[in-house]
Structure formats: C-alpha cells, structure tokens
C-alpha cells in the first residue's frame, strides 16, 4: 500500500490543510495546542496531517461555526470515541454469546 492510500499517513502540511479547508494556519495550530486534533510531527517538528486528521479538523471547523468552544469540542470527540469503543465491545460480546449459545441460568 502506498502512503497516500493510507488514511492515517501524515502527508499534509499546515498550509495545505488550511488551503483545503479554508481556515487560517493559526486555527490549525490552536486546534493542536488545545489537543482537539493532534497531527503527527515531521523529523523537523512540523505538523503533518493525515486524511483522517483533515476530516476531523473539518468536523471541528463545522462545530466551531455552530458556536462550540474548542474545549467543548474536545470533550464531545472524547465522548464519541468512548461510545464507539463501547459499541465495538458490545458487538464483540454479542458475537461471542451467539457463538456459544445462551448462557444457562443458575
């Protein structure tokens, strides 16, 4: 697989992402400092965004447009990740239960 096929490959610079999303580079730096979206760093320390990061920044941009603060957005994203993890765990538990049949009542 080539790096540009990997949605997690850190390929895009701050300037490229700012241009793609129509935001200021300072906004991207602030989103990083506030730990809302944490891009990878190049060996020289420059921020490098993956396609997944760009999509997340786009979501953050929309949420700030709705009046949410970066701290509020960070909390929402953490909670969404927790819900997604719990849903995966539930699905795995349901699959395991269906494989072994129903547990017997004591």
N, C-alpha and C. Protein backbone atom coordinates (compact mmCIF):
# COMPACT_ATOMS: atom_id res chain seq x y z
N UNK A 1 0.85 -1.17 0.00
CA UNK A 1 0.00 0.00 0.00
C UNK A 1 0.90 1.24 0.00
N UNK A 2 0.57 2.20 -0.82
CA UNK A 2 1.32 3.44 -0.89
C UNK A 2 0.85 4.38 0.23
N UNK A 3 1.72 5.29 0.69
CA UNK A 3 1.33 6.19 1.78
C UNK A 3 0.05 6.97 1.52
N UNK A 4 -0.17 7.40 0.27
CA UNK A 4 -1.37 8.19 0.02
C UNK A 4 -2.63 7.33 0.01
N UNK A 5 -2.50 6.00 0.02
CA UNK A 5 -3.65 5.10 0.13
C UNK A 5 -4.05 4.91 1.59
N UNK A 6 -3.14 5.22 2.50
CA UNK A 6 -3.36 5.04 3.94
C UNK A 6 -3.96 6.31 4.51
N UNK A 7 -5.18 6.22 5.04
CA UNK A 7 -5.83 7.43 5.55
C UNK A 7 -5.16 7.96 6.81
N UNK A 8 -4.27 7.18 7.42
CA UNK A 8 -3.57 7.62 8.63
C UNK A 8 -2.15 8.11 8.36
N UNK A 9 -1.72 8.07 7.10
CA UNK A 9 -0.37 8.53 6.75
C UNK A 9 -0.30 10.05 6.85
N UNK A 10 0.65 10.58 7.61
CA UNK A 10 0.77 12.03 7.79
C UNK A 10 1.44 12.69 6.58
N UNK A 11 0.63 13.17 5.66
CA UNK A 11 1.14 13.67 4.39
C UNK A 11 1.01 15.17 4.18
N UNK A 12 0.08 15.82 4.86
CA UNK A 12 -0.28 17.19 4.54
C UNK A 12 0.29 18.19 5.54
N UNK A 13 0.78 19.32 5.04
CA UNK A 13 1.32 20.38 5.88
C UNK A 13 0.19 21.28 6.38
N UNK A 14 0.52 22.14 7.33
CA UNK A 14 -0.44 23.11 7.84
C UNK A 14 -1.00 23.95 6.69
N UNK A 15 -0.12 24.45 5.83
CA UNK A 15 -0.56 25.29 4.72
C UNK A 15 -1.50 24.56 3.77
N UNK A 16 -1.20 23.29 3.49
CA UNK A 16 -2.06 22.52 2.60
C UNK A 16 -3.44 22.31 3.22
N UNK A 17 -3.47 21.96 4.50
CA UNK A 17 -4.75 21.71 5.17
C UNK A 17 -5.54 23.02 5.27
N UNK A 18 -4.86 24.10 5.61
CA UNK A 18 -5.53 25.40 5.69
C UNK A 18 -6.17 25.74 4.35
N UNK A 19 -5.44 25.51 3.27
CA UNK A 19 -5.99 25.77 1.94
C UNK A 19 -7.16 24.87 1.59
N UNK A 20 -7.06 23.60 1.93
CA UNK A 20 -8.14 22.65 1.64
C UNK A 20 -9.43 23.02 2.36
N UNK A 21 -9.29 23.45 3.62
CA UNK A 21 -10.48 23.67 4.45
C UNK A 21 -10.88 25.14 4.55
N UNK A 22 -10.08 26.02 3.98
CA UNK A 22 -10.41 27.44 4.03
C UNK A 22 -10.33 28.02 5.43
N UNK A 23 -9.33 27.57 6.20
CA UNK A 23 -9.12 28.09 7.55
C UNK A 23 -7.73 28.71 7.63
N UNK A 24 -7.49 29.46 8.67
CA UNK A 24 -6.19 30.07 8.88
C UNK A 24 -5.23 29.06 9.52
N UNK A 25 -3.95 29.11 9.15
CA UNK A 25 -2.97 28.24 9.81
C UNK A 25 -2.98 28.40 11.33
N UNK A 26 -3.24 29.60 11.82
CA UNK A 26 -3.29 29.83 13.27
C UNK A 26 -4.40 29.01 13.91
N UNK A 27 -5.51 28.81 13.21
CA UNK A 27 -6.60 27.98 13.72
C UNK A 27 -6.12 26.55 13.89
N UNK A 28 -5.39 26.04 12.92
CA UNK A 28 -4.87 24.67 12.99
C UNK A 28 -3.90 24.51 14.15
N UNK A 29 -3.05 25.51 14.34
CA UNK A 29 -2.11 25.45 15.46
C UNK A 29 -2.87 25.47 16.79
N UNK A 30 -3.90 26.28 16.87
CA UNK A 30 -4.70 26.37 18.10
C UNK A 30 -5.42 25.05 18.39
N UNK A 31 -5.94 24.41 17.35
CA UNK A 31 -6.62 23.12 17.50
C UNK A 31 -5.64 22.07 18.03
N UNK A 32 -4.39 22.16 17.61
CA UNK A 32 -3.36 21.25 18.10
C UNK A 32 -3.01 21.57 19.56
N UNK A 33 -2.76 22.84 19.86
CA UNK A 33 -2.40 23.25 21.22
C UNK A 33 -3.50 22.86 22.21
N UNK A 34 -4.75 22.99 21.80
CA UNK A 34 -5.89 22.65 22.66
C UNK A 34 -6.16 21.14 22.69
N UNK A 35 -5.32 20.37 21.98
CA UNK A 35 -5.40 18.91 21.94
C UNK A 35 -6.73 18.39 21.41
N UNK A 36 -7.28 19.10 20.43
CA UNK A 36 -8.51 18.65 19.79
C UNK A 36 -8.15 17.71 18.63
N UNK A 37 -7.20 18.11 17.83
CA UNK A 37 -6.64 17.27 16.77
C UNK A 37 -5.12 17.36 16.90
N UNK A 38 -4.48 16.23 17.13
CA UNK A 38 -3.04 16.19 17.33
C UNK A 38 -2.38 15.54 16.11
N UNK A 39 -1.92 16.34 15.15
CA UNK A 39 -1.26 15.77 13.98
C UNK A 39 0.11 15.21 14.35
N UNK A 40 0.63 14.37 13.46
CA UNK A 40 1.98 13.85 13.63
C UNK A 40 2.97 14.99 13.41
N UNK A 41 4.21 14.73 13.73
CA UNK A 41 5.26 15.73 13.51
C UNK A 41 6.33 15.13 12.60
N UNK A 42 6.85 15.96 11.72
CA UNK A 42 7.97 15.54 10.87
C UNK A 42 9.23 15.51 11.73
N UNK A 43 10.31 15.00 11.18
CA UNK A 43 11.58 14.98 11.93
C UNK A 43 12.01 16.39 12.31
N UNK A 44 11.61 17.37 11.51
CA UNK A 44 11.94 18.76 11.80
C UNK A 44 10.95 19.42 12.75
N UNK A 45 9.93 18.68 13.19
CA UNK A 45 8.97 19.21 14.14
C UNK A 45 7.74 19.87 13.53
N UNK A 46 7.63 19.84 12.20
CA UNK A 46 6.47 20.45 11.55
C UNK A 46 5.26 19.51 11.64
N UNK A 47 4.09 20.12 11.77
CA UNK A 47 2.86 19.33 11.83
C UNK A 47 2.59 18.69 10.48
N UNK A 48 2.16 17.41 10.52
CA UNK A 48 1.80 16.67 9.31
C UNK A 48 0.46 15.99 9.57
N UNK A 49 -0.49 16.28 8.71
CA UNK A 49 -1.86 15.80 8.88
C UNK A 49 -2.14 14.63 7.94
N UNK A 50 -2.87 13.66 8.46
CA UNK A 50 -3.35 12.55 7.65
C UNK A 50 -4.73 12.92 7.10
N UNK A 51 -5.24 12.09 6.21
CA UNK A 51 -6.61 12.33 5.72
C UNK A 51 -7.61 12.25 6.87
N UNK A 52 -7.38 11.34 7.81
CA UNK A 52 -8.27 11.23 8.97
C UNK A 52 -8.20 12.51 9.80
N UNK A 53 -7.00 13.07 9.97
CA UNK A 53 -6.86 14.33 10.70
C UNK A 53 -7.60 15.46 10.00
N UNK A 54 -7.47 15.51 8.68
CA UNK A 54 -8.13 16.56 7.90
C UNK A 54 -9.65 16.46 8.08
N UNK A 55 -10.18 15.25 8.03
CA UNK A 55 -11.63 15.06 8.22
C UNK A 55 -12.04 15.51 9.62
N UNK A 56 -11.21 15.21 10.60
CA UNK A 56 -11.53 15.62 11.98
C UNK A 56 -11.47 17.14 12.13
N UNK A 57 -10.47 17.77 11.52
CA UNK A 57 -10.39 19.23 11.56
C UNK A 57 -11.61 19.84 10.87
N UNK A 58 -12.04 19.24 9.78
CA UNK A 58 -13.23 19.74 9.09
C UNK A 58 -14.45 19.69 10.02
N UNK A 59 -14.58 18.60 10.76
CA UNK A 59 -15.68 18.45 11.72
C UNK A 59 -15.56 19.52 12.81
N UNK A 60 -14.35 19.74 13.29
CA UNK A 60 -14.11 20.76 14.33
C UNK A 60 -14.48 22.13 13.80
N UNK A 61 -14.11 22.41 12.56
CA UNK A 61 -14.44 23.70 11.94
C UNK A 61 -15.94 23.91 11.90
N UNK A 62 -16.69 22.87 11.52
CA UNK A 62 -18.15 22.97 11.49
C UNK A 62 -18.71 23.21 12.89
N UNK A 63 -18.15 22.53 13.88
CA UNK A 63 -18.63 22.68 15.25
C UNK A 63 -18.33 24.07 15.81
N UNK A 64 -17.16 24.62 15.47
CA UNK A 64 -16.86 25.98 15.92
C UNK A 64 -17.81 26.97 15.25
N UNK A 65 -18.19 26.67 14.01
CA UNK A 65 -19.16 27.51 13.30
C UNK A 65 -20.53 27.51 13.96
N UNK A 66 -20.80 26.44 14.73
CA UNK A 66 -22.07 26.35 15.46
C UNK A 66 -21.96 26.99 16.84
N UNK A 67 -20.79 27.56 17.16
CA UNK A 67 -20.63 28.28 18.41
C UNK A 67 -19.99 27.49 19.54
N UNK A 68 -19.53 26.28 19.29
CA UNK A 68 -18.90 25.49 20.34
C UNK A 68 -17.45 25.93 20.56
N UNK A 69 -17.00 25.83 21.78
CA UNK A 69 -15.60 26.14 22.09
C UNK A 69 -14.74 24.92 21.79
N UNK A 70 -13.43 25.14 21.67
CA UNK A 70 -12.53 24.01 21.42
C UNK A 70 -12.53 23.04 22.60
N UNK A 71 -12.64 23.55 23.81
CA UNK A 71 -12.69 22.66 24.98
C UNK A 71 -13.95 21.80 24.92
N UNK A 72 -15.07 22.39 24.54
CA UNK A 72 -16.32 21.63 24.40
C UNK A 72 -16.24 20.61 23.29
N UNK A 73 -15.64 20.99 22.20
CA UNK A 73 -15.48 20.08 21.06
C UNK A 73 -14.59 18.91 21.45
N UNK A 74 -13.48 19.20 22.15
CA UNK A 74 -12.58 18.13 22.60
C UNK A 74 -13.36 17.13 23.45
N UNK A 75 -14.18 17.61 24.36
CA UNK A 75 -14.96 16.72 25.23
C UNK A 75 -15.94 15.89 24.41
N UNK A 76 -16.61 16.50 23.45
CA UNK A 76 -17.55 15.78 22.59
C UNK A 76 -16.83 14.67 21.83
N UNK A 77 -15.67 14.99 21.27
CA UNK A 77 -14.92 13.99 20.50
C UNK A 77 -14.45 12.83 21.38
N UNK A 78 -14.04 13.13 22.61
CA UNK A 78 -13.64 12.07 23.55
C UNK A 78 -14.84 11.18 23.85
N UNK A 79 -15.98 11.79 24.11
CA UNK A 79 -17.18 11.00 24.42
C UNK A 79 -17.63 10.17 23.22
N UNK A 80 -17.55 10.74 22.02
CA UNK A 80 -17.90 9.97 20.82
C UNK A 80 -16.98 8.76 20.66
N UNK A 81 -15.69 8.93 20.93
CA UNK A 81 -14.75 7.82 20.83
C UNK A 81 -15.07 6.75 21.87
N UNK A 82 -15.44 7.18 23.08
CA UNK A 82 -15.80 6.22 24.13
C UNK A 82 -17.05 5.43 23.75
N UNK A 83 -18.05 6.12 23.20
CA UNK A 83 -19.27 5.45 22.76
C UNK A 83 -18.96 4.44 21.66
N UNK A 84 -18.13 4.83 20.70
CA UNK A 84 -17.77 3.92 19.61
C UNK A 84 -17.04 2.69 20.16
N UNK A 85 -16.15 2.89 21.14
CA UNK A 85 -15.44 1.77 21.74
C UNK A 85 -16.42 0.84 22.48
N UNK A 86 -17.34 1.41 23.23
CA UNK A 86 -18.33 0.60 23.94
C UNK A 86 -19.22 -0.17 22.96
N UNK A 87 -19.57 0.46 21.84
CA UNK A 87 -20.37 -0.24 20.84
C UNK A 87 -19.60 -1.42 20.25
N UNK A 88 -18.29 -1.24 20.00
CA UNK A 88 -17.46 -2.35 19.49
C UNK A 88 -17.41 -3.47 20.52
N UNK A 89 -17.24 -3.11 21.79
CA UNK A 89 -17.19 -4.12 22.85
C UNK A 89 -18.51 -4.88 22.95
N UNK A 90 -19.61 -4.17 22.86
CA UNK A 90 -20.93 -4.80 22.93
C UNK A 90 -21.13 -5.75 21.75
N UNK A 91 -20.76 -5.30 20.58
CA UNK A 91 -20.90 -6.14 19.38
C UNK A 91 -20.07 -7.42 19.52
N UNK A 92 -18.84 -7.28 20.02
CA UNK A 92 -17.97 -8.44 20.22
C UNK A 92 -18.57 -9.39 21.26
N UNK A 93 -19.11 -8.85 22.33
CA UNK A 93 -19.72 -9.68 23.37
C UNK A 93 -20.95 -10.40 22.84
N UNK A 94 -21.73 -9.71 22.03
CA UNK A 94 -22.92 -10.33 21.43
C UNK A 94 -22.52 -11.45 20.48
N UNK A 95 -21.47 -11.22 19.70
CA UNK A 95 -21.00 -12.26 18.76
C UNK A 95 -20.49 -13.46 19.53
N UNK A 96 -19.76 -13.23 20.61
CA UNK A 96 -19.24 -14.31 21.42
C UNK A 96 -20.37 -15.10 22.07
N UNK A 97 -21.38 -14.40 22.55
CA UNK A 97 -22.54 -15.06 23.18
C UNK A 97 -23.31 -15.88 22.16
N UNK A 98 -23.44 -15.39 20.94
CA UNK A 98 -24.18 -16.14 19.94
C UNK A 98 -23.41 -17.36 19.45
N UNK A 99 -22.08 -17.32 19.51
CA UNK A 99 -21.26 -18.46 19.13
C UNK A 99 -21.42 -19.60 20.12
N UNK A 100 -21.46 -19.27 21.37
CA UNK A 100 -21.51 -20.30 22.42
C UNK A 100 -22.91 -20.60 22.89
N UNK A 101 -23.89 -20.05 22.23
CA UNK A 101 -25.26 -20.23 22.70
C UNK A 101 -25.54 -19.35 23.89
N UNK A 102 -26.71 -19.48 24.41
CA UNK A 102 -27.09 -18.65 25.55
C UNK A 102 -26.52 -19.23 26.83
N UNK A 103 -26.05 -18.38 27.69
CA UNK A 103 -25.59 -18.87 28.99
C UNK A 103 -26.78 -19.38 29.80
N UNK A 104 -26.54 -20.48 30.54
CA UNK A 104 -27.64 -21.05 31.31
C UNK A 104 -27.86 -20.28 32.60
N UNK A 105 -29.12 -20.17 32.96
CA UNK A 105 -29.47 -19.52 34.23
C UNK A 105 -29.17 -20.48 35.37
N UNK A 106 -28.77 -19.96 36.50
CA UNK A 106 -28.46 -20.82 37.65
C UNK A 106 -29.59 -20.84 38.62
